[in-house]
Amino acid sequence: MSVPYWVEDAIIYQIFPDRFANGDPANDPPNVHPWGSPPTVQGFQGGDLRGIVQHFDYLLDLGINTVYLNPIFQSPSNHRYNITDYYKIDPKLGDKSDFQALLNVAHGNNVHVILDGVFNHCSRGFFAFNDILENQDQSPYKDWFIVKHFPMDAYSPGEAKDFVGWWQLKSMPKFNTANPEVRRYILGVARYWIEQGADGWRLDVPNEIDDDSFWAEFNQTVKSANPEAYLVGEIWDEQPRWVSEGHFDGLMDYPLRSGILDTLAGKINAVQLADKIDHLHSIYPREAVYAMFQLLGSHDTERVITLCDNNVDKVKLAFLLLFSLPGAPVIYYGDEIGLPGGKDPDCRRAFPWDERQWNSDIHGWIQQLISLRSRIAELRRGDFRRLLADSGKNCYAFSRGLGEEQIAALFNFGKTRTSVQLPVAALDWKDGRIIHNQVGEGEFIVAGDSVEISLPAFSGMWLK
């Protein structure tokens, strides 16, 4: 498999378009909710593509180099996972010129843009499905979906019974991707937006299109349009199949996310976390490990600060670990300022642009981590080696090495300060060498083949 070279250097910022920034109130729906209102399943708050363009300096100041957008195509929903027109930017977000403006400002600043590809299902307002509702078994599109029987009803209350819908939802009919006409349509969409300048696709529930030949054709279509396009699949568990030849470059690494958050919650210890990370690295090809989409939160999960019970030290430790590991670290918009939120839809709150509402400690920390990771190549591309895992002290350490350059990452997941003897012989750090903490104050002297380090509760260091 050939993973795009730039992905190992990627630092990704995920944006839920309706909630990031309102740059053009003229495209708001008449019943738009006030910015910052409690998020609802159906309400819009006016975020759009111009809002992202107008706040691009904020993203550049943060230091990110890749933006992932939740769906931007025409849809009746604020989440836009039920698409009515795959070739049209949702008018509530702007139009194609706004999309091009976003690409221009992004690419002009060496920032990649990844789109959300929802190809398992669409909206009941999608032209082909709408034709079936009008013409029933006489529709030329009746084989575009998985119809169980006619007449077909998609608007009365209850689950989908006449056709297959995603999670039995009538609002999200599932495509019949075995139909060559459907495949041509989807592959045409995939190619079109790459040709317009998008740098890759994040693929929604791709395992529900359980067809290797479809994804091989999809991969070939996208990579022929742009060999450096990034394909990442939304797979929630461990499934090496999806990063084999003809599939995706990487996956949304929810298993890693669970391991990190479970450790911070005290559900597992540092040794169990270390074993989990080693296991994940062992089941995937190296190229895929370094192309994983490494997240702590998303539009489908509770906010990281909420899951950490508003403990800022835990949030900072989680991000420190995330930025230490192979793969592309991802920041879900607002997590970098401590935006709270429970389960969907509460995790989709509007971004507060009043800096007085920000947690400046978290924001400054993530800004620092991005800057250091961008500057220290071994954190992005270096080999990974476990150095220490101690269940008693609940500490974990590993190194990232690139040639002669080595950096050690050390973490204390415990509730109290602890002292650790970090073994460094494998790093070729000689007796008497001075080692510096890169993310805070502190310098340490190697004694023999180890260095003694004292770590506060829920904290970590990068040592170089």
Protein backbone atom coordinates (compact mmCIF):
# COMPACT_ATOMS: atom_id res chain seq x y z
CA MET A 1 0.00 0.00 0.00
CA SER A 2 1.14 3.55 -0.72
CA VAL A 3 0.21 6.01 2.03
CA PRO A 4 0.51 9.72 1.11
CA TYR A 5 3.83 11.08 2.36
CA TRP A 6 2.27 14.12 4.03
CA VAL A 7 -0.01 12.18 6.37
CA GLU A 8 2.79 11.31 8.84
CA ASP A 9 3.29 15.05 9.32
CA ALA A 10 -0.43 15.86 9.56
CA ILE A 11 -1.98 17.59 12.57
CA ILE A 12 -5.71 17.51 11.92
CA TYR A 13 -8.47 19.85 13.09
CA GLN A 14 -12.04 18.53 12.77
CA ILE A 15 -14.81 21.03 12.10
CA PHE A 16 -18.56 20.47 12.40
CA PRO A 17 -19.48 23.20 9.88
CA ASP A 18 -22.75 24.47 11.39
CA ARG A 19 -21.05 25.18 14.74
CA PHE A 20 -17.59 26.62 14.02
CA ALA A 21 -18.23 30.18 12.80
CA ASN A 22 -20.96 32.14 11.01
CA GLY A 23 -19.26 34.13 8.26
CA ASP A 24 -22.31 34.99 6.15
CA PRO A 25 -25.62 35.48 8.01
CA ALA A 26 -27.34 35.92 4.63
CA ASN A 27 -27.29 32.15 4.09
CA ASP A 28 -28.81 31.33 7.50
CA PRO A 29 -32.20 29.62 7.50
CA PRO A 30 -35.07 31.88 8.67
CA ASN A 31 -35.43 29.94 11.93
CA VAL A 32 -31.70 29.92 12.76
CA HIS A 33 -30.99 29.49 16.47
CA PRO A 34 -28.86 32.10 18.24
CA TRP A 35 -25.13 31.30 18.23
CA GLY A 36 -24.25 29.35 21.33
CA SER A 37 -27.77 28.04 21.98
CA PRO A 38 -27.96 24.55 23.47
CA PRO A 39 -27.51 22.27 20.42
CA THR A 40 -30.53 20.32 19.24
CA VAL A 41 -30.97 17.42 16.84
CA GLN A 42 -32.70 19.56 14.21
CA GLY A 43 -31.70 23.19 14.79
CA PHE A 44 -29.14 25.20 12.83
CA GLN A 45 -26.86 27.88 14.30
CA GLY A 46 -25.51 29.37 11.08
CA GLY A 47 -21.93 28.12 10.80
CA ASP A 48 -20.69 28.11 7.21
CA LEU A 49 -17.65 27.88 4.94
CA ARG A 50 -17.04 31.65 4.97
CA GLY A 51 -16.84 31.44 8.75
CA ILE A 52 -13.97 28.95 8.45
CA VAL A 53 -12.21 31.19 5.91
CA GLN A 54 -12.61 34.24 8.14
CA HIS A 55 -11.15 32.39 11.13
CA PHE A 56 -8.38 30.62 9.25
CA ASP A 57 -5.80 32.78 11.01
CA TYR A 58 -6.96 31.17 14.27
CA LEU A 59 -6.25 27.72 12.83
CA LEU A 60 -2.85 28.79 11.54
CA ASP A 61 -2.01 30.36 14.90
CA LEU A 62 -2.94 27.07 16.58
CA GLY A 63 -0.52 25.36 14.19
CA ILE A 64 -2.67 22.74 12.45
CA ASN A 65 -1.91 21.73 8.87
CA THR A 66 -4.99 19.69 7.94
CA VAL A 67 -8.72 20.37 8.23
CA TYR A 68 -11.35 17.62 8.25
CA LEU A 69 -14.88 18.81 7.55
CA ASN A 70 -18.00 16.94 8.55
CA PRO A 71 -20.36 16.69 5.53
CA ILE A 72 -20.81 19.88 3.50
CA PHE A 73 -23.17 18.70 0.75
CA GLN A 74 -26.84 19.62 0.46
CA SER A 75 -28.90 18.04 3.21
CA PRO A 76 -31.92 18.86 5.39
CA SER A 77 -29.97 18.08 8.59
CA ASN A 78 -27.40 20.06 10.57
CA HIS A 79 -25.13 16.98 10.58
CA ARG A 80 -25.64 16.42 6.82
CA TYR A 81 -25.18 12.65 6.96
CA ASN A 82 -28.37 12.33 4.90
CA ILE A 83 -27.37 13.98 1.64
CA THR A 84 -29.82 15.03 -1.08
CA ASP A 85 -27.26 16.27 -3.64
CA TYR A 86 -23.64 15.10 -3.58
CA TYR A 87 -22.58 17.58 -6.24
CA LYS A 88 -23.87 20.68 -4.44
CA ILE A 89 -22.50 22.54 -1.42
CA ASP A 90 -25.35 22.98 1.06
CA PRO A 91 -26.70 26.53 0.50
CA LYS A 92 -26.77 27.06 4.27
CA LEU A 93 -22.97 26.67 4.15
CA GLY A 94 -22.44 28.73 1.02
CA ASP A 95 -21.75 27.64 -2.54
CA LYS A 96 -18.95 26.23 -4.65
CA SER A 97 -17.16 29.60 -4.77
CA ASP A 98 -17.05 29.59 -0.95
CA PHE A 99 -15.63 26.06 -1.03
CA GLN A 100 -13.02 27.17 -3.54
CA ALA A 101 -12.17 30.15 -1.35
CA LEU A 102 -11.62 27.78 1.56
CA LEU A 103 -9.39 25.53 -0.54
CA ASN A 104 -7.44 28.55 -1.75
CA VAL A 105 -6.71 29.89 1.71
CA ALA A 106 -5.92 26.38 2.98
CA HIS A 107 -3.65 25.34 0.14
CA GLY A 108 -2.05 28.79 0.11
CA ASN A 109 -0.96 28.06 3.68
CA ASN A 110 0.05 24.43 3.04
CA VAL A 111 -3.04 23.09 4.81
CA HIS A 112 -4.81 19.99 3.46
CA VAL A 113 -8.61 19.66 3.42
CA ILE A 114 -10.36 16.31 3.96
CA LEU A 115 -14.05 15.86 3.17
CA ASP A 116 -16.58 13.50 4.75
CA GLY A 117 -17.78 10.82 2.34
CA VAL A 118 -21.20 9.39 3.15
CA PHE A 119 -21.64 6.65 0.55
CA ASN A 120 -23.47 3.93 2.46
CA HIS A 121 -26.74 5.87 2.62
CA CYS A 122 -28.30 9.15 1.49
CA SER A 123 -31.42 11.22 2.17
CA ARG A 124 -34.96 10.24 1.27
CA GLY A 125 -34.89 13.52 -0.69
CA PHE A 126 -32.12 12.17 -2.94
CA PHE A 127 -33.32 12.28 -6.56
CA ALA A 128 -33.30 8.52 -7.20
CA PHE A 129 -35.07 7.64 -3.94
CA ASN A 130 -37.57 10.43 -4.48
CA ASP A 131 -38.35 8.98 -7.92
CA ILE A 132 -39.16 5.61 -6.32
CA LEU A 133 -41.53 7.27 -3.87
CA GLU A 134 -43.30 8.94 -6.81
CA ASN A 135 -43.32 6.01 -9.23
CA GLN A 136 -42.98 3.01 -6.92
CA ASP A 137 -42.22 -0.23 -8.83
CA GLN A 138 -42.27 1.66 -12.14
CA SER A 139 -39.28 3.80 -11.14
CA PRO A 140 -36.12 3.36 -13.20
CA TYR A 141 -34.18 3.75 -9.94
CA LYS A 142 -35.90 1.00 -7.96
CA ASP A 143 -32.68 -1.06 -7.94
CA TRP A 144 -30.59 1.81 -6.57
CA PHE A 145 -31.77 0.88 -3.08
CA ILE A 146 -32.64 -2.30 -1.22
CA VAL A 147 -36.43 -2.36 -1.52
CA LYS A 148 -38.28 -5.06 0.39
CA HIS A 149 -41.74 -4.48 -1.07
CA PHE A 150 -44.04 -1.95 -2.73
CA PRO A 151 -45.77 0.36 -2.16
CA MET A 152 -42.89 2.04 -0.37
CA ASP A 153 -43.45 4.50 2.47
CA ALA A 154 -40.66 6.74 3.80
CA TYR A 155 -42.44 9.48 5.74
CA SER A 156 -44.83 7.94 8.27
CA PRO A 157 -43.59 7.46 11.86
CA GLY A 158 -41.64 4.34 12.76
CA GLU A 159 -38.73 2.36 11.41
CA ALA A 160 -38.05 1.62 7.76
CA LYS A 161 -39.87 -1.57 6.80
CA ASP A 162 -40.35 -1.28 3.04
CA PHE A 163 -36.64 -0.70 2.40
CA VAL A 164 -33.30 -0.93 4.18
CA GLY A 165 -32.37 2.24 6.04
CA TRP A 166 -29.26 2.95 8.07
CA TRP A 167 -30.13 1.87 11.63
CA GLN A 168 -33.67 1.32 10.25
CA LEU A 169 -34.06 5.08 9.81
CA LYS A 170 -36.51 6.12 7.10
CA SER A 171 -34.55 9.33 6.59
CA MET A 172 -31.38 7.46 5.55
CA PRO A 173 -32.04 4.85 2.84
CA LYS A 174 -29.10 2.55 2.15
CA PHE A 175 -27.65 2.46 -1.35
CA ASN A 176 -27.50 -0.80 -3.26
CA THR A 177 -23.81 -0.56 -4.12
CA ALA A 178 -23.99 -3.87 -5.99
CA ASN A 179 -25.82 -1.95 -8.72
CA PRO A 180 -23.29 -0.78 -11.37
CA GLU A 181 -25.22 2.48 -11.87
CA VAL A 182 -24.97 3.29 -8.15
CA ARG A 183 -21.27 2.50 -8.16
CA ARG A 184 -20.71 4.79 -11.13
CA TYR A 185 -22.57 7.59 -9.36
CA ILE A 186 -20.62 7.25 -6.08
CA LEU A 187 -17.26 6.88 -7.81
CA GLY A 188 -18.09 9.93 -9.92
CA VAL A 189 -18.71 11.94 -6.75
CA ALA A 190 -15.51 10.66 -5.18
CA ARG A 191 -13.44 11.68 -8.19
CA TYR A 192 -15.21 15.01 -8.75
CA TRP A 193 -14.40 16.56 -5.38
CA ILE A 194 -10.80 15.34 -5.47
CA GLU A 195 -10.49 16.99 -8.88
CA GLN A 196 -11.96 20.17 -7.38
CA GLY A 197 -9.06 20.21 -4.94
CA ALA A 198 -10.05 18.17 -1.87
CA ASP A 199 -7.10 16.26 -0.40
CA GLY A 200 -8.90 13.13 0.76
CA TRP A 201 -11.98 11.46 2.14
CA ARG A 202 -12.97 10.41 5.62
CA LEU A 203 -15.39 7.58 4.90
CA ASP A 204 -18.51 7.21 7.00
CA VAL A 205 -19.39 3.66 8.18
CA PRO A 206 -17.48 2.06 5.28
CA ASN A 207 -17.69 -1.42 6.81
CA GLU A 208 -21.43 -1.32 6.07
CA ILE A 209 -20.51 -1.50 2.40
CA ASP A 210 -19.04 -4.95 2.97
CA ASP A 211 -17.59 -5.35 -0.51
CA ASP A 212 -13.85 -5.43 -1.14
CA SER A 213 -14.28 -4.96 -4.88
CA PHE A 214 -16.23 -1.72 -4.33
CA TRP A 215 -13.52 -0.26 -2.10
CA ALA A 216 -10.74 -1.39 -4.42
CA GLU A 217 -12.47 0.49 -7.23
CA PHE A 218 -13.06 3.47 -4.95
CA ASN A 219 -9.40 3.51 -3.92
CA GLN A 220 -8.23 3.31 -7.53
CA THR A 221 -10.63 6.07 -8.61
CA VAL A 222 -9.49 8.49 -5.91
CA LYS A 223 -5.78 7.71 -6.17
CA SER A 224 -5.85 8.04 -9.96
CA ALA A 225 -7.26 11.55 -9.51
CA ASN A 226 -4.66 12.38 -6.85
CA PRO A 227 -2.09 9.76 -5.74
CA GLU A 228 -1.49 11.82 -2.58
CA ALA A 229 -5.16 11.79 -1.50
CA TYR A 230 -5.70 10.44 2.03
CA LEU A 231 -8.40 7.83 2.64
CA VAL A 232 -9.40 7.20 6.27
CA GLY A 233 -12.19 4.88 7.36
CA GLU A 234 -14.56 5.29 10.29
CA ILE A 235 -14.03 1.87 11.85
CA TRP A 236 -14.70 1.72 15.59
CA ASP A 237 -12.88 -1.50 16.43
CA GLU A 238 -9.72 -3.37 15.44
CA GLN A 239 -10.05 -4.46 11.81
CA PRO A 240 -6.77 -4.81 9.86
CA ARG A 241 -8.75 -5.79 6.77
CA TRP A 242 -9.61 -2.15 6.14
CA VAL A 243 -6.00 -1.02 5.72
CA SER A 244 -4.98 -3.84 3.41
CA GLU A 245 -4.33 -3.31 -0.29
CA GLY A 246 -7.25 -1.66 -2.08
CA HIS A 247 -8.81 -0.22 1.07
CA PHE A 248 -7.80 2.80 3.21
CA ASP A 249 -4.59 4.49 4.33
CA GLY A 250 -5.66 4.64 7.97
CA LEU A 251 -8.61 4.34 10.34
CA MET A 252 -10.20 6.49 13.03
CA ASP A 253 -8.39 4.97 15.99
CA TYR A 254 -11.24 4.64 18.47
CA PRO A 255 -9.55 1.65 20.23
CA LEU A 256 -6.58 3.88 21.12
CA ARG A 257 -8.95 6.62 22.27
CA SER A 258 -10.69 4.13 24.58
CA GLY A 259 -7.35 2.99 25.98
CA ILE A 260 -6.21 6.53 26.79
CA LEU A 261 -9.50 7.60 28.36
CA ASP A 262 -9.92 4.32 30.27
CA THR A 263 -6.46 4.80 31.78
CA LEU A 264 -7.26 8.34 32.87
CA ALA A 265 -10.52 7.09 34.37
CA GLY A 266 -8.72 4.37 36.34
CA LYS A 267 -10.43 1.54 34.48
CA ILE A 268 -7.11 0.12 33.25
CA ASN A 269 -3.51 0.75 34.36
CA ALA A 270 -0.40 1.89 32.53
CA VAL A 271 0.75 -1.65 31.73
CA GLN A 272 -2.60 -2.52 30.19
CA LEU A 273 -2.46 0.66 28.13
CA ALA A 274 1.09 -0.11 26.99
CA ASP A 275 0.03 -3.63 26.01
CA LYS A 276 -2.94 -2.25 24.09
CA ILE A 277 -0.75 0.18 22.14
CA ASP A 278 1.79 -2.55 21.37
CA HIS A 279 -1.06 -4.77 20.20
CA LEU A 280 -2.48 -2.09 17.91
CA HIS A 281 0.95 -1.51 16.43
CA SER A 282 1.38 -5.25 15.84
CA ILE A 283 -1.84 -5.91 13.94
CA TYR A 284 -1.49 -3.15 11.34
CA PRO A 285 1.20 -2.52 8.71
CA ARG A 286 3.69 0.17 9.73
CA GLU A 287 2.37 2.49 6.99
CA ALA A 288 -1.13 2.27 8.46
CA VAL A 289 0.06 2.80 12.05
CA TYR A 290 1.67 6.07 10.96
CA ALA A 291 -1.44 7.09 8.99
CA MET A 292 -3.97 6.46 11.76
CA PHE A 293 -6.47 9.21 12.58
CA GLN A 294 -5.65 9.59 16.29
CA LEU A 295 -8.54 11.21 18.12
CA LEU A 296 -9.74 11.91 21.65
CA GLY A 297 -13.15 13.25 20.62
CA SER A 298 -15.43 13.60 17.63
CA HIS A 299 -18.96 14.62 16.66
CA ASP A 300 -20.07 11.16 17.86
CA THR A 301 -18.56 11.22 21.36
CA GLU A 302 -18.76 13.12 24.61
CA ARG A 303 -16.23 15.93 24.89
CA VAL A 304 -12.84 14.98 26.29
CA ILE A 305 -12.95 17.52 29.15
CA THR A 306 -16.40 16.24 30.14
CA LEU A 307 -15.15 12.63 30.14
CA CYS A 308 -12.20 13.77 32.27
CA ASP A 309 -14.58 15.32 34.85
CA ASN A 310 -13.26 18.80 34.02
CA ASN A 311 -9.79 17.82 35.23
CA VAL A 312 -7.48 19.99 33.10
CA ASP A 313 -4.37 17.99 34.05
CA LYS A 314 -6.00 14.82 32.67
CA VAL A 315 -6.93 16.58 29.43
CA LYS A 316 -3.39 17.89 29.00
CA LEU A 317 -1.95 14.44 29.71
CA ALA A 318 -4.28 12.85 27.17
CA PHE A 319 -3.17 15.27 24.46
CA LEU A 320 0.49 14.86 25.41
CA LEU A 321 0.21 11.10 24.89
CA LEU A 322 -1.75 11.55 21.65
CA PHE A 323 0.93 13.87 20.23
CA SER A 324 3.67 11.44 21.28
CA LEU A 325 2.41 8.46 19.30
CA PRO A 326 2.69 7.49 15.63
CA GLY A 327 -0.27 8.57 13.53
CA ALA A 328 -1.91 11.91 12.84
CA PRO A 329 -3.21 13.62 16.02
CA VAL A 330 -6.70 15.08 15.66
CA ILE A 331 -8.28 17.97 17.54
CA TYR A 332 -12.07 18.11 17.51
CA TYR A 333 -12.98 21.78 17.24
CA GLY A 334 -13.34 23.35 20.69
CA ASP A 335 -11.45 20.63 22.58
CA GLU A 336 -8.40 22.90 22.44
CA ILE A 337 -10.23 25.54 24.52
CA GLY A 338 -11.90 23.11 26.93
CA LEU A 339 -15.38 23.22 25.35
CA PRO A 340 -17.56 20.81 27.37
CA GLY A 341 -20.35 18.61 26.03
CA GLY A 342 -22.19 15.38 26.66
CA LYS A 343 -23.46 12.88 24.13
CA ASP A 344 -24.77 13.90 20.69
CA PRO A 345 -26.11 16.53 20.13
CA ASP A 346 -24.46 18.24 23.13
CA CYS A 347 -20.96 17.46 21.77
CA ARG A 348 -21.80 19.71 18.80
CA ARG A 349 -21.96 23.06 20.60
CA ALA A 350 -21.14 26.33 18.83
CA PHE A 351 -17.55 27.48 19.13
CA PRO A 352 -17.37 30.43 21.58
CA TRP A 353 -15.31 33.17 19.96
CA ASP A 354 -15.18 35.21 23.17
CA GLU A 355 -11.74 34.29 24.50
CA ARG A 356 -12.91 34.89 28.05
CA GLN A 357 -14.81 31.59 27.71
CA TRP A 358 -11.70 29.66 26.74
CA ASN A 359 -9.53 27.52 28.97
CA SER A 360 -6.27 29.29 28.11
CA ASP A 361 -4.21 26.60 29.90
CA ILE A 362 -5.44 23.87 27.54
CA HIS A 363 -5.23 26.14 24.49
CA GLY A 364 -1.65 27.15 25.21
CA TRP A 365 -0.67 23.55 25.93
CA ILE A 366 -2.03 22.21 22.64
CA GLN A 367 -0.45 25.11 20.75
CA GLN A 368 2.88 24.15 22.35
CA LEU A 369 2.47 20.45 21.53
CA ILE A 370 1.68 21.25 17.89
CA SER A 371 4.71 23.51 17.63
CA LEU A 372 7.04 20.92 19.14
CA ARG A 373 5.68 18.02 17.09
CA SER A 374 6.04 20.11 13.93
CA ARG A 375 9.67 20.86 14.83
CA ILE A 376 10.77 17.45 16.18
CA ALA A 377 10.75 14.99 13.30
CA GLU A 378 11.12 11.87 15.46
CA LEU A 379 7.71 12.59 17.05
CA ARG A 380 6.14 12.36 13.60
CA ARG A 381 8.23 9.78 11.79
CA GLY A 382 10.40 8.10 14.39
CA ASP A 383 10.42 4.41 15.34
CA PHE A 384 8.45 3.48 18.45
CA ARG A 385 9.97 1.53 21.37
CA ARG A 386 8.51 0.80 24.79
CA LEU A 387 10.89 1.75 27.60
CA LEU A 388 8.86 1.28 30.75
CA ALA A 389 5.43 0.24 32.00
CA ASP A 390 4.81 0.04 35.75
CA SER A 391 1.39 -0.90 37.09
CA GLY A 392 2.34 -0.08 40.69
CA LYS A 393 3.34 3.50 39.93
CA ASN A 394 0.95 3.66 36.98
CA CYS A 395 3.70 5.07 34.74
CA TYR A 396 4.46 4.47 31.08
CA ALA A 397 7.35 5.50 28.85
CA PHE A 398 8.42 4.95 25.26
CA SER A 399 10.86 6.48 22.81
CA ARG A 400 10.58 7.79 19.27
CA GLY A 401 13.81 7.52 17.30
CA LEU A 402 14.87 8.77 13.89
CA GLY A 403 18.47 8.01 13.07
CA GLU A 404 20.58 9.31 15.94
CA GLU A 405 17.82 11.57 17.20
CA GLN A 406 15.86 10.16 20.14
CA ILE A 407 13.09 11.54 22.31
CA ALA A 408 11.56 9.79 25.32
CA ALA A 409 7.93 10.29 26.34
CA LEU A 410 7.11 9.61 30.00
CA PHE A 411 3.67 9.64 31.64
CA ASN A 412 2.32 9.40 35.19
CA PHE A 413 -1.33 8.31 35.20
CA GLY A 414 -1.35 8.11 38.98
CA LYS A 415 -3.11 10.42 41.43
CA THR A 416 0.11 11.29 43.28
CA ARG A 417 3.63 12.45 42.46
CA THR A 418 6.02 9.59 41.80
CA SER A 419 9.71 9.03 41.03
CA VAL A 420 10.70 6.87 38.06
CA GLN A 421 13.99 5.28 37.03
CA LEU A 422 13.78 5.60 33.26
CA PRO A 423 16.02 3.09 31.41
CA VAL A 424 17.88 4.86 28.60
CA ALA A 425 20.55 2.39 27.43
CA ALA A 426 18.51 1.67 24.28
CA LEU A 427 18.62 5.39 23.45
CA ASP A 428 22.43 5.52 23.61
CA TRP A 429 22.26 8.25 26.26
CA LYS A 430 25.62 7.97 28.02
CA ASP A 431 26.39 8.38 31.71
CA GLY A 432 26.53 12.06 32.67
CA ARG A 433 24.53 13.29 29.71
CA ILE A 434 22.08 16.13 30.46
CA ILE A 435 18.50 15.53 29.31
CA HIS A 436 15.98 18.37 28.98
CA ASN A 437 12.21 18.36 29.37
CA GLN A 438 10.78 19.81 26.15
CA VAL A 439 7.29 20.63 27.45
CA GLY A 440 8.21 22.36 30.68
CA GLU A 441 11.02 23.07 33.08
CA GLY A 442 13.52 20.50 34.25
CA GLU A 443 16.82 18.97 33.28
CA PHE A 444 18.11 15.58 34.37
CA ILE A 445 21.46 13.79 34.36
CA VAL A 446 21.89 10.23 33.14
CA ALA A 447 23.39 8.02 35.84
CA GLY A 448 24.68 4.76 34.44
CA ASP A 449 21.99 3.47 32.11
CA SER A 450 19.02 5.28 33.63
CA VAL A 451 17.79 8.69 34.65
CA GLU A 452 15.70 9.44 37.72
CA ILE A 453 12.68 11.64 37.11
CA SER A 454 10.00 12.90 39.48
CA LEU A 455 6.58 13.35 37.91
CA PRO A 456 3.56 15.14 39.40
CA ALA A 457 0.16 13.41 39.32
CA PHE A 458 -1.45 13.19 35.86
CA SER A 459 1.52 14.65 34.04
CA GLY A 460 4.15 13.77 31.50
CA MET A 461 7.34 14.91 29.82
CA TRP A 462 9.14 14.81 26.51
CA LEU A 463 12.84 14.25 27.23
CA LYS A 464 15.55 15.03 24.69
